[in-house]
Amino acid sequence: MNKMNKRIAAAAVAAVIAAAAGAVPASGYAVSQPLAASAICPSGYEEWGDWQYNVLSDGTIELSKYIGEDTAVVVPDKDAEGRIITKIGNSAFRNKTSIVSLTLPDTLTTIGDSAFYNCNSLTEIIIPDSVTDIGKYAFESCTSLENITIGKSVKNIGSYAFYECKALTKVVIPDSVTKVSTSMFQ
């Protein structure tokens, strides 16, 4: 389903829900405002460009899924409405095997569990200084990953975060890391 069809479907669903709740007259539903830059996806996430995302309780954004096909991905620091992106959600890039390079913004604070699982063409990752937590299995099975630079603010690295990263030749772990869980590099 293309993006325009998703937006139309989202508007239709909203109209049906509003009509069922008695919020609009039975005679019809008219859209008086243009559709927003985002749409609600079948998964419940909002969608913008190559991203599905959630708005967190503090008003920042969690990127829930990358739906693009680029080999060089630059994660934005803000969404279309100017809200800051602070989290890469669990499994957001899972099995995106074509990604070779990835640039993360300095607004991130959290990399979720299995966020980059099996991104097996990724060769290097620089985790920004703003990140404090790296989830379990975050980079598991990134079999081409050779270099990892972990930012100065990271405190926690989850279990198996770099499991099966067999090409690793260089890992820089800062003094800020206070918790390294089991089997981080098996």
Protein backbone atom coordinates (compact mmCIF):
# COMPACT_ATOMS: atom_id res chain seq x y z
CA MET A 1 0.00 0.00 0.00
CA ASN A 2 1.57 3.30 -1.02
CA LYS A 3 1.80 6.29 1.30
CA MET A 4 -1.16 8.19 -0.20
CA ASN A 5 -3.40 5.12 0.09
CA LYS A 6 -2.29 4.73 3.73
CA ARG A 7 -3.22 8.36 4.42
CA ILE A 8 -6.61 7.95 2.75
CA ALA A 9 -7.24 4.74 4.69
CA ALA A 10 -6.26 6.46 7.95
CA ALA A 11 -8.67 9.33 7.24
CA ALA A 12 -11.46 6.87 6.39
CA VAL A 13 -10.88 4.92 9.62
CA ALA A 14 -10.95 8.17 11.62
CA ALA A 15 -14.23 9.15 9.94
CA VAL A 16 -15.83 5.78 10.73
CA ILE A 17 -14.71 5.97 14.35
CA ALA A 18 -15.97 9.54 14.70
CA ALA A 19 -19.31 8.65 13.08
CA ALA A 20 -19.72 5.62 15.34
CA ALA A 21 -19.12 7.83 18.36
CA GLY A 22 -21.73 10.31 17.13
CA ALA A 23 -19.16 13.07 16.60
CA VAL A 24 -20.23 13.79 13.02
CA PRO A 25 -23.67 13.91 11.44
CA ALA A 26 -24.92 10.77 9.72
CA SER A 27 -25.17 12.73 6.48
CA GLY A 28 -21.45 12.61 5.87
CA TYR A 29 -17.93 13.59 6.84
CA ALA A 30 -16.02 16.46 5.35
CA VAL A 31 -12.33 17.11 5.85
CA SER A 32 -11.90 20.84 6.34
CA GLN A 33 -8.20 20.74 7.14
CA PRO A 34 -5.41 19.27 4.99
CA LEU A 35 -4.01 15.93 6.09
CA ALA A 36 -0.96 16.09 8.33
CA ALA A 37 2.51 15.14 7.16
CA SER A 38 2.12 11.85 9.00
CA ALA A 39 -0.44 9.07 8.87
CA ILE A 40 -1.40 6.27 11.21
CA CYS A 41 -0.01 2.94 10.02
CA PRO A 42 -1.78 -0.40 10.43
CA SER A 43 0.70 -1.16 13.24
CA GLY A 44 -0.54 1.87 15.19
CA TYR A 45 2.62 3.89 14.60
CA GLU A 46 2.65 7.19 12.80
CA GLU A 47 4.51 7.33 9.51
CA TRP A 48 6.73 10.03 8.05
CA GLY A 49 8.95 9.50 5.00
CA ASP A 50 10.98 6.32 5.52
CA TRP A 51 10.09 6.12 9.22
CA GLN A 52 7.42 4.74 11.47
CA TYR A 53 7.48 6.36 14.89
CA ASN A 54 5.81 6.94 18.26
CA VAL A 55 5.47 10.18 20.15
CA LEU A 56 6.72 9.50 23.68
CA SER A 57 5.09 10.90 26.83
CA ASP A 58 7.70 13.68 27.03
CA GLY A 59 6.88 14.81 23.47
CA THR A 60 10.04 13.38 21.91
CA ILE A 61 10.12 10.75 19.17
CA GLU A 62 10.97 7.06 19.18
CA LEU A 63 11.80 5.75 15.71
CA SER A 64 9.98 2.43 15.65
CA LYS A 65 10.87 1.16 12.20
CA TYR A 66 12.93 2.16 9.20
CA ILE A 67 10.93 1.30 6.09
CA GLY A 68 13.36 2.69 3.50
CA GLU A 69 15.82 0.80 1.34
CA ASP A 70 18.85 3.12 1.33
CA THR A 71 22.35 1.73 1.81
CA ALA A 72 23.58 4.94 3.49
CA VAL A 73 21.12 5.99 6.19
CA VAL A 74 21.19 9.26 8.08
CA VAL A 75 18.85 9.16 11.07
CA PRO A 76 17.30 12.63 11.43
CA ASP A 77 17.48 14.60 14.68
CA LYS A 78 13.88 15.88 14.39
CA ASP A 79 10.66 14.81 12.71
CA ALA A 80 8.64 16.89 10.22
CA GLU A 81 6.98 18.75 13.10
CA GLY A 82 10.27 19.63 14.79
CA ARG A 83 10.02 17.10 17.63
CA ILE A 84 13.38 15.73 18.78
CA ILE A 85 14.25 12.11 18.06
CA THR A 86 15.63 10.54 21.25
CA LYS A 87 15.21 6.80 20.80
CA ILE A 88 15.81 4.10 18.23
CA GLY A 89 13.10 1.59 19.14
CA ASN A 90 13.36 -2.15 19.60
CA SER A 91 14.04 -3.90 16.26
CA ALA A 92 13.74 -0.60 14.34
CA PHE A 93 16.34 -1.64 11.74
CA ARG A 94 16.02 -5.41 12.20
CA ASN A 95 17.14 -7.36 9.12
CA LYS A 96 17.94 -4.25 7.05
CA THR A 97 20.75 -6.13 5.38
CA SER A 98 21.45 -3.52 2.68
CA ILE A 99 22.57 -0.78 5.09
CA VAL A 100 26.31 -0.19 4.74
CA SER A 101 26.66 3.11 6.59
CA LEU A 102 24.60 4.70 9.31
CA THR A 103 24.79 8.15 10.88
CA LEU A 104 23.07 8.67 14.22
CA PRO A 105 22.05 12.12 15.51
CA ASP A 106 23.41 13.66 18.70
CA THR A 107 19.85 13.89 20.06
CA LEU A 108 19.62 10.14 20.73
CA THR A 109 19.65 8.90 24.31
CA THR A 110 18.59 5.27 23.84
CA ILE A 111 19.23 2.47 21.36
CA GLY A 112 16.58 -0.20 21.91
CA ASP A 113 16.84 -3.97 22.11
CA SER A 114 17.74 -5.62 18.79
CA ALA A 115 17.61 -2.18 17.14
CA PHE A 116 20.15 -3.10 14.43
CA TYR A 117 19.86 -6.89 14.62
CA ASN A 118 21.23 -8.57 11.49
CA CYS A 119 22.24 -5.39 9.67
CA ASN A 120 24.94 -7.60 8.25
CA SER A 121 26.34 -5.11 5.70
CA LEU A 122 26.99 -2.38 8.29
CA THR A 123 30.76 -1.93 8.71
CA GLU A 124 31.15 0.84 11.29
CA ILE A 125 29.05 2.54 13.94
CA ILE A 126 29.75 5.69 15.92
CA ILE A 127 27.38 5.98 18.85
CA PRO A 128 26.93 9.66 19.74
CA ASP A 129 27.93 11.11 23.09
CA SER A 130 24.26 11.78 23.88
CA VAL A 131 23.40 8.04 24.12
CA THR A 132 23.24 6.64 27.67
CA ASP A 133 21.78 3.17 27.05
CA ILE A 134 22.39 0.47 24.45
CA GLY A 135 19.80 -2.31 24.59
CA LYS A 136 20.17 -6.08 24.61
CA TYR A 137 21.12 -7.62 21.27
CA ALA A 138 21.32 -4.07 19.79
CA PHE A 139 23.87 -4.97 17.10
CA GLU A 140 23.64 -8.76 17.21
CA SER A 141 24.59 -10.51 13.97
CA CYS A 142 26.02 -7.41 12.32
CA THR A 143 28.58 -9.74 10.81
CA SER A 144 30.44 -7.08 8.76
CA LEU A 145 30.76 -4.62 11.66
CA GLU A 146 34.48 -3.89 12.08
CA ASN A 147 34.64 -0.70 14.19
CA ILE A 148 32.50 0.54 17.06
CA THR A 149 33.00 3.85 18.83
CA ILE A 150 30.80 4.20 21.90
CA GLY A 151 29.95 7.73 23.04
CA LYS A 152 31.20 9.26 26.28
CA SER A 153 27.80 9.21 28.02
CA VAL A 154 26.93 5.53 27.59
CA LYS A 155 26.39 3.95 31.01
CA ASN A 156 24.70 0.65 30.18
CA ILE A 157 25.37 -1.87 27.44
CA GLY A 158 22.84 -4.71 27.32
CA SER A 159 23.45 -8.43 27.13
CA TYR A 160 24.70 -9.73 23.80
CA ALA A 161 24.78 -6.17 22.40
CA PHE A 162 27.53 -7.10 19.91
CA TYR A 163 26.95 -10.86 19.80
CA GLU A 164 28.01 -12.54 16.55
CA CYS A 165 29.82 -9.41 15.32
CA LYS A 166 32.64 -11.61 14.06
CA ALA A 167 34.46 -8.97 11.97
CA LEU A 168 35.12 -6.63 14.91
CA THR A 169 38.67 -5.34 14.99
CA LYS A 170 38.23 -2.18 17.07
CA VAL A 171 35.91 -1.25 19.93
CA VAL A 172 36.30 1.96 21.91
CA ILE A 173 34.48 1.80 25.28
CA PRO A 174 34.55 5.00 27.37
CA ASP A 175 35.06 5.20 31.14
CA SER A 176 31.40 6.26 31.53
CA VAL A 177 30.23 2.66 31.01
CA THR A 178 29.23 1.34 34.43
CA LYS A 179 27.32 -1.75 33.37
CA VAL A 180 28.43 -4.27 30.78
CA SER A 181 26.15 -7.27 30.70
CA THR A 182 26.96 -10.88 30.01
CA SER A 183 28.25 -12.12 26.70
CA MET A 184 28.50 -8.68 25.13
CA PHE A 185 31.02 -9.82 22.47
CA GLN A 186 30.56 -13.55 21.96
